C-alpha atoms as a PDB file:
ATOM      1  CA  UNK A   1      15.362  31.118 -66.800  1.00  0.00           C
ATOM      2  CA  UNK A   2      14.089  27.602 -67.045  1.00  0.00           C
ATOM      3  CA  UNK A   3      12.625  26.321 -70.267  1.00  0.00           C
ATOM      4  CA  UNK A   4       8.999  27.102 -70.657  1.00  0.00           C
ATOM      5  CA  UNK A   5       6.401  25.891 -73.081  1.00  0.00           C
ATOM      6  CA  UNK A   6       3.316  28.058 -73.318  1.00  0.00           C
ATOM      7  CA  UNK A   7       0.258  26.297 -74.640  1.00  0.00           C
ATOM      8  CA  UNK A   8       1.031  25.969 -78.320  1.00  0.00           C
ATOM      9  CA  UNK A   9      -2.411  24.632 -79.196  1.00  0.00           C
ATOM     10  CA  UNK A  10      -4.751  26.669 -81.349  1.00  0.00           C
ATOM     11  CA  UNK A  11      -8.348  25.459 -81.385  1.00  0.00           C
ATOM     12  CA  UNK A  12     -10.977  26.108 -84.009  1.00  0.00           C
ATOM     13  CA  UNK A  13     -13.441  28.739 -82.783  1.00  0.00           C
ATOM     14  CA  UNK A  14     -16.539  26.573 -83.313  1.00  0.00           C
ATOM     15  CA  UNK A  15     -15.634  23.155 -81.981  1.00  0.00           C
ATOM     16  CA  UNK A  16     -12.984  20.704 -83.013  1.00  0.00           C
ATOM     17  CA  UNK A  17     -11.531  20.415 -86.487  1.00  0.00           C
ATOM     18  CA  UNK A  18     -11.832  17.034 -88.172  1.00  0.00           C
ATOM     19  CA  UNK A  19      -8.323  17.388 -89.530  1.00  0.00           C
ATOM     20  CA  UNK A  20      -5.959  18.844 -86.927  1.00  0.00           C
ATOM     21  CA  UNK A  21      -2.389  19.852 -87.754  1.00  0.00           C
ATOM     22  CA  UNK A  22       0.450  18.629 -85.533  1.00  0.00           C
ATOM     23  CA  UNK A  23       3.880  20.289 -85.556  1.00  0.00           C
ATOM     24  CA  UNK A  24       7.037  18.626 -84.187  1.00  0.00           C
ATOM     25  CA  UNK A  25      10.106  20.784 -83.540  1.00  0.00           C
ATOM     26  CA  UNK A  26      13.762  20.071 -84.423  1.00  0.00           C
ATOM     27  CA  UNK A  27      16.294  18.309 -82.228  1.00  0.00           C
ATOM     28  CA  UNK A  28      17.299  20.291 -79.171  1.00  0.00           C
ATOM     29  CA  UNK A  29      14.636  22.966 -79.591  1.00  0.00           C
ATOM     30  CA  UNK A  30      11.078  23.340 -78.289  1.00  0.00           C
ATOM     31  CA  UNK A  31       7.521  23.732 -79.526  1.00  0.00           C
ATOM     32  CA  UNK A  32       7.698  27.544 -79.377  1.00  0.00           C
ATOM     33  CA  UNK A  33       9.881  27.626 -82.495  1.00  0.00           C
ATOM     34  CA  UNK A  34       6.656  27.118 -84.506  1.00  0.00           C
ATOM     35  CA  UNK A  35       5.102  30.332 -83.184  1.00  0.00           C
ATOM     36  CA  UNK A  36       6.114  32.505 -86.188  1.00  0.00           C
ATOM     37  CA  UNK A  37       4.422  30.130 -88.666  1.00  0.00           C
ATOM     38  CA  UNK A  38       1.102  29.729 -86.851  1.00  0.00           C
ATOM     39  CA  UNK A  39      -0.518  32.779 -88.544  1.00  0.00           C
ATOM     40  CA  UNK A  40       0.256  31.282 -91.966  1.00  0.00           C
ATOM     41  CA  UNK A  41      -1.470  27.965 -91.327  1.00  0.00           C
ATOM     42  CA  UNK A  42      -5.068  27.340 -92.351  1.00  0.00           C
ATOM     43  CA  UNK A  43      -7.614  28.192 -89.678  1.00  0.00           C
ATOM     44  CA  UNK A  44      -8.335  25.246 -87.459  1.00  0.00           C
ATOM     45  CA  UNK A  45      -6.821  23.157 -84.762  1.00  0.00           C
ATOM     46  CA  UNK A  46      -3.011  23.215 -84.534  1.00  0.00           C
ATOM     47  CA  UNK A  47      -0.918  21.415 -81.922  1.00  0.00           C
ATOM     48  CA  UNK A  48       2.824  22.023 -81.519  1.00  0.00           C
ATOM     49  CA  UNK A  49       4.065  19.018 -79.585  1.00  0.00           C
ATOM     50  CA  UNK A  50       7.103  19.107 -77.322  1.00  0.00           C
ATOM     51  CA  UNK A  51       9.481  16.206 -77.855  1.00  0.00           C
ATOM     52  CA  UNK A  52      10.025  14.380 -74.550  1.00  0.00           C
ATOM     53  CA  UNK A  53      13.221  15.355 -72.759  1.00  0.00           C
ATOM     54  CA  UNK A  54      13.451  18.659 -74.643  1.00  0.00           C
ATOM     55  CA  UNK A  55      12.607  22.057 -73.135  1.00  0.00           C
ATOM     56  CA  UNK A  56       8.909  22.202 -72.394  1.00  0.00           C
ATOM     57  CA  UNK A  57       8.505  18.464 -72.954  1.00  0.00           C
ATOM     58  CA  UNK A  58       7.799  15.752 -70.449  1.00  0.00           C
ATOM     59  CA  UNK A  59      10.957  14.571 -68.710  1.00  0.00           C
ATOM     60  CA  UNK A  60      12.021  11.033 -69.463  1.00  0.00           C
ATOM     61  CA  UNK A  61      11.294   8.605 -66.648  1.00  0.00           C
ATOM     62  CA  UNK A  62      14.400   7.834 -64.622  1.00  0.00           C
ATOM     63  CA  UNK A  63      16.442   5.006 -66.081  1.00  0.00           C
ATOM     64  CA  UNK A  64      14.734   4.944 -69.469  1.00  0.00           C
ATOM     65  CA  UNK A  65      16.925   4.733 -72.548  1.00  0.00           C
ATOM     66  CA  UNK A  66      16.305   7.316 -75.258  1.00  0.00           C
ATOM     67  CA  UNK A  67      15.398   5.673 -78.538  1.00  0.00           C
ATOM     68  CA  UNK A  68      13.429   6.939 -81.502  1.00  0.00           C
ATOM     69  CA  UNK A  69      10.811   4.230 -80.864  1.00  0.00           C
ATOM     70  CA  UNK A  70      10.415   5.277 -77.235  1.00  0.00           C
ATOM     71  CA  UNK A  71      10.100   8.925 -78.254  1.00  0.00           C
ATOM     72  CA  UNK A  72       7.396   8.040 -80.804  1.00  0.00           C
ATOM     73  CA  UNK A  73       5.545   6.081 -78.082  1.00  0.00           C
ATOM     74  CA  UNK A  74       5.548   9.203 -75.899  1.00  0.00           C
ATOM     75  CA  UNK A  75       4.376  11.430 -78.781  1.00  0.00           C
ATOM     76  CA  UNK A  76       1.565   8.977 -79.476  1.00  0.00           C
ATOM     77  CA  UNK A  77       0.549   9.280 -75.825  1.00  0.00           C
ATOM     78  CA  UNK A  78       0.383  13.080 -76.301  1.00  0.00           C
ATOM     79  CA  UNK A  79      -1.848  12.629 -79.342  1.00  0.00           C
ATOM     80  CA  UNK A  80      -4.077  10.219 -77.411  1.00  0.00           C
ATOM     81  CA  UNK A  81      -4.323  12.654 -74.487  1.00  0.00           C
ATOM     82  CA  UNK A  82      -5.528  15.340 -76.917  1.00  0.00           C
ATOM     83  CA  UNK A  83      -8.015  13.000 -78.543  1.00  0.00           C
ATOM     84  CA  UNK A  84      -6.202  13.020 -81.888  1.00  0.00           C
ATOM     85  CA  UNK A  85      -6.372   9.752 -83.797  1.00  0.00           C
ATOM     86  CA  UNK A  86      -4.904  11.041 -87.083  1.00  0.00           C
ATOM     87  CA  UNK A  87      -3.571  14.453 -88.109  1.00  0.00           C
ATOM     88  CA  UNK A  88      -1.629  16.294 -90.759  1.00  0.00           C
ATOM     89  CA  UNK A  89       1.877  16.214 -89.271  1.00  0.00           C
ATOM     90  CA  UNK A  90       4.794  18.510 -90.070  1.00  0.00           C
ATOM     91  CA  UNK A  91       8.211  18.200 -88.510  1.00  0.00           C
ATOM     92  CA  UNK A  92      11.714  19.533 -88.965  1.00  0.00           C
ATOM     93  CA  UNK A  93      14.965  17.589 -88.493  1.00  0.00           C
ATOM     94  CA  UNK A  94      14.346  15.147 -85.617  1.00  0.00           C
ATOM     95  CA  UNK A  95      10.723  16.317 -85.725  1.00  0.00           C
ATOM     96  CA  UNK A  96      10.553  15.286 -89.387  1.00  0.00           C
ATOM     97  CA  UNK A  97      11.939  11.856 -88.558  1.00  0.00           C
ATOM     98  CA  UNK A  98       9.374  11.478 -85.761  1.00  0.00           C
ATOM     99  CA  UNK A  99       6.580  12.633 -88.099  1.00  0.00           C
ATOM    100  CA  UNK A 100       7.534   9.888 -90.557  1.00  0.00           C
ATOM    101  CA  UNK A 101       7.597   7.331 -87.735  1.00  0.00           C
ATOM    102  CA  UNK A 102       4.131   8.446 -86.568  1.00  0.00           C
ATOM    103  CA  UNK A 103       2.950   7.980 -90.143  1.00  0.00           C
ATOM    104  CA  UNK A 104       4.257   4.399 -90.122  1.00  0.00           C
ATOM    105  CA  UNK A 105       2.030   3.809 -87.121  1.00  0.00           C
ATOM    106  CA  UNK A 106      -1.025   5.102 -88.973  1.00  0.00           C
ATOM    107  CA  UNK A 107      -1.280   8.402 -87.089  1.00  0.00           C
ATOM    108  CA  UNK A 108      -0.828  10.745 -90.087  1.00  0.00           C
ATOM    109  CA  UNK A 109      -3.286  11.924 -92.724  1.00  0.00           C
ATOM    110  CA  UNK A 110      -0.261  13.496 -94.432  1.00  0.00           C
ATOM    111  CA  UNK A 111       3.341  14.329 -93.543  1.00  0.00           C
ATOM    112  CA  UNK A 112       5.607  17.231 -94.403  1.00  0.00           C
ATOM    113  CA  UNK A 113       9.144  16.472 -93.230  1.00  0.00           C
ATOM    114  CA  UNK A 114      11.644  19.339 -93.479  1.00  0.00           C
ATOM    115  CA  UNK A 115      15.223  17.969 -93.608  1.00  0.00           C
ATOM    116  CA  UNK A 116      14.243  14.852 -91.642  1.00  0.00           C
ATOM    117  CA  UNK A 117      16.922  13.195 -89.578  1.00  0.00           C
ATOM    118  CA  UNK A 118      17.739   9.527 -89.863  1.00  0.00           C
ATOM    119  CA  UNK A 119      18.557   9.457 -93.560  1.00  0.00           C
ATOM    120  CA  UNK A 120      22.284   9.077 -93.116  1.00  0.00           C
ATOM    121  CA  UNK A 121      24.393   5.960 -93.476  1.00  0.00           C
ATOM    122  CA  UNK A 122      26.126   5.040 -90.222  1.00  0.00           C
ATOM    123  CA  UNK A 123      29.838   5.725 -90.477  1.00  0.00           C
ATOM    124  CA  UNK A 124      29.475   7.856 -93.622  1.00  0.00           C
ATOM    125  CA  UNK A 125      31.362  11.174 -93.848  1.00  0.00           C
ATOM    126  CA  UNK A 126      28.021  13.022 -93.538  1.00  0.00           C
ATOM    127  CA  UNK A 127      27.114  11.081 -90.399  1.00  0.00           C
ATOM    128  CA  UNK A 128      30.544  11.650 -88.814  1.00  0.00           C
ATOM    129  CA  UNK A 129      30.435  15.390 -89.640  1.00  0.00           C
ATOM    130  CA  UNK A 130      26.959  15.679 -88.096  1.00  0.00           C
ATOM    131  CA  UNK A 131      27.949  13.780 -84.941  1.00  0.00           C
ATOM    132  CA  UNK A 132      31.053  15.980 -84.516  1.00  0.00           C
ATOM    133  CA  UNK A 133      28.960  19.107 -85.023  1.00  0.00           C
ATOM    134  CA  UNK A 134      26.408  18.084 -82.375  1.00  0.00           C
ATOM    135  CA  UNK A 135      29.123  17.157 -79.868  1.00  0.00           C
ATOM    136  CA  UNK A 136      31.021  20.407 -80.439  1.00  0.00           C
ATOM    137  CA  UNK A 137      27.826  22.469 -80.117  1.00  0.00           C
ATOM    138  CA  UNK A 138      26.996  20.748 -76.844  1.00  0.00           C
ATOM    139  CA  UNK A 139      30.496  21.282 -75.425  1.00  0.00           C
ATOM    140  CA  UNK A 140      30.488  24.969 -76.375  1.00  0.00           C
ATOM    141  CA  UNK A 141      27.045  25.574 -74.889  1.00  0.00           C
ATOM    142  CA  UNK A 142      27.976  23.791 -71.653  1.00  0.00           C
ATOM    143  CA  UNK A 143      30.924  26.186 -71.292  1.00  0.00           C
ATOM    144  CA  UNK A 144      29.305  29.375 -72.539  1.00  0.00           C
ATOM    145  CA  UNK A 145      25.508  29.008 -72.135  1.00  0.00           C
ATOM    146  CA  UNK A 146      24.774  32.276 -70.281  1.00  0.00           C
ATOM    147  CA  UNK A 147      27.323  34.187 -72.349  1.00  0.00           C
ATOM    148  CA  UNK A 148      25.814  32.849 -75.601  1.00  0.00           C
ATOM    149  CA  UNK A 149      22.405  34.131 -74.523  1.00  0.00           C
ATOM    150  CA  UNK A 150      23.893  37.590 -73.966  1.00  0.00           C
ATOM    151  CA  UNK A 151      25.812  37.548 -77.258  1.00  0.00           C
ATOM    152  CA  UNK A 152      22.586  36.688 -79.126  1.00  0.00           C
ATOM    153  CA  UNK A 153      21.833  40.417 -78.922  1.00  0.00           C
ATOM    154  CA  UNK A 154      24.451  41.090 -81.605  1.00  0.00           C
ATOM    155  CA  UNK A 155      23.912  40.200 -85.265  1.00  0.00           C
ATOM    156  CA  UNK A 156      27.504  39.108 -85.907  1.00  0.00           C
ATOM    157  CA  UNK A 157      27.407  36.777 -82.894  1.00  0.00           C
ATOM    158  CA  UNK A 158      24.027  35.341 -83.996  1.00  0.00           C
ATOM    159  CA  UNK A 159      25.436  34.708 -87.472  1.00  0.00           C
ATOM    160  CA  UNK A 160      28.466  32.899 -86.082  1.00  0.00           C
ATOM    161  CA  UNK A 161      26.712  30.874 -83.364  1.00  0.00           C
ATOM    162  CA  UNK A 162      23.775  29.729 -85.493  1.00  0.00           C
ATOM    163  CA  UNK A 163      25.311  29.477 -88.960  1.00  0.00           C
ATOM    164  CA  UNK A 164      25.170  25.656 -88.984  1.00  0.00           C
ATOM    165  CA  UNK A 165      21.612  25.470 -87.649  1.00  0.00           C
ATOM    166  CA  UNK A 166      19.752  28.306 -89.388  1.00  0.00           C
ATOM    167  CA  UNK A 167      19.862  29.230 -93.089  1.00  0.00           C
ATOM    168  CA  UNK A 168      19.926  32.980 -92.406  1.00  0.00           C
ATOM    169  CA  UNK A 169      20.705  33.649 -88.730  1.00  0.00           C
ATOM    170  CA  UNK A 170      20.758  37.404 -89.344  1.00  0.00           C
ATOM    171  CA  UNK A 171      16.992  37.258 -89.931  1.00  0.00           C
ATOM    172  CA  UNK A 172      16.389  36.026 -86.375  1.00  0.00           C
ATOM    173  CA  UNK A 173      15.527  38.545 -83.723  1.00  0.00           C
ATOM    174  CA  UNK A 174      17.683  38.452 -80.573  1.00  0.00           C
ATOM    175  CA  UNK A 175      14.764  36.797 -78.740  1.00  0.00           C
ATOM    176  CA  UNK A 176      14.427  34.105 -81.407  1.00  0.00           C
ATOM    177  CA  UNK A 177      18.178  33.439 -81.295  1.00  0.00           C
ATOM    178  CA  UNK A 178      18.082  33.208 -77.491  1.00  0.00           C
ATOM    179  CA  UNK A 179      15.173  30.741 -77.717  1.00  0.00           C
ATOM    180  CA  UNK A 180      17.237  28.475 -79.985  1.00  0.00           C
ATOM    181  CA  UNK A 181      20.413  28.738 -77.907  1.00  0.00           C
ATOM    182  CA  UNK A 182      18.710  28.323 -74.537  1.00  0.00           C
ATOM    183  CA  UNK A 183      16.712  25.341 -75.782  1.00  0.00           C
ATOM    184  CA  UNK A 184      19.879  23.605 -76.980  1.00  0.00           C
ATOM    185  CA  UNK A 185      21.745  24.499 -73.794  1.00  0.00           C
ATOM    186  CA  UNK A 186      19.004  23.168 -71.506  1.00  0.00           C
ATOM    187  CA  UNK A 187      17.959  20.097 -73.514  1.00  0.00           C
ATOM    188  CA  UNK A 188      17.879  17.256 -70.955  1.00  0.00           C
ATOM    189  CA  UNK A 189      18.409  14.496 -73.524  1.00  0.00           C
ATOM    190  CA  UNK A 190      20.877  16.178 -75.909  1.00  0.00           C
ATOM    191  CA  UNK A 191      23.689  13.669 -75.362  1.00  0.00           C
ATOM    192  CA  UNK A 192      21.255  10.732 -75.316  1.00  0.00           C
ATOM    193  CA  UNK A 193      19.725  11.729 -78.665  1.00  0.00           C
ATOM    194  CA  UNK A 194      23.165  12.108 -80.275  1.00  0.00           C
ATOM    195  CA  UNK A 195      24.070   8.643 -78.971  1.00  0.00           C
ATOM    196  CA  UNK A 196      20.733   7.158 -80.140  1.00  0.00           C
ATOM    197  CA  UNK A 197      21.221   8.555 -83.662  1.00  0.00           C
END
């Protein structure tokens, strides 16, 4: 099926919170990956934003080049549309990088960045390994997308397919593994983000 993004906003029961929390997902994934952590967050207003061009996110306008700055502009527009001037922002990987960039623009009360992207030195062994990994993942998913979703049912396959993306893939349910794999497979801007990095 096509990528979906159910409303990942949780509102305070009695009006709007003065200090909303904003969550930004990792590269290639979608806002739904935050669903398991929502019960552990303080009561109040929580918004899981979809990164533009990713599953559940706004498509990029035709002909626009994908840059981190452009992506931050589009995330700021999402915050503005929700009436959020400043928030506590948490992000993982690309989401962590974007959270830090939103902070630079004065949009964050605080930031928690889990393994934020962008900290590599261009041309370094780490950067080259990461670029190769992303390109290989994309090529494999282009060839085996539907099969990968079926194989996600089996623990050994989940461990193998997600070992470089998830600390303990065996702890994912088949549905969680399929969410990750399908999101990566259907990410509209996957190649553009790898190039922009």
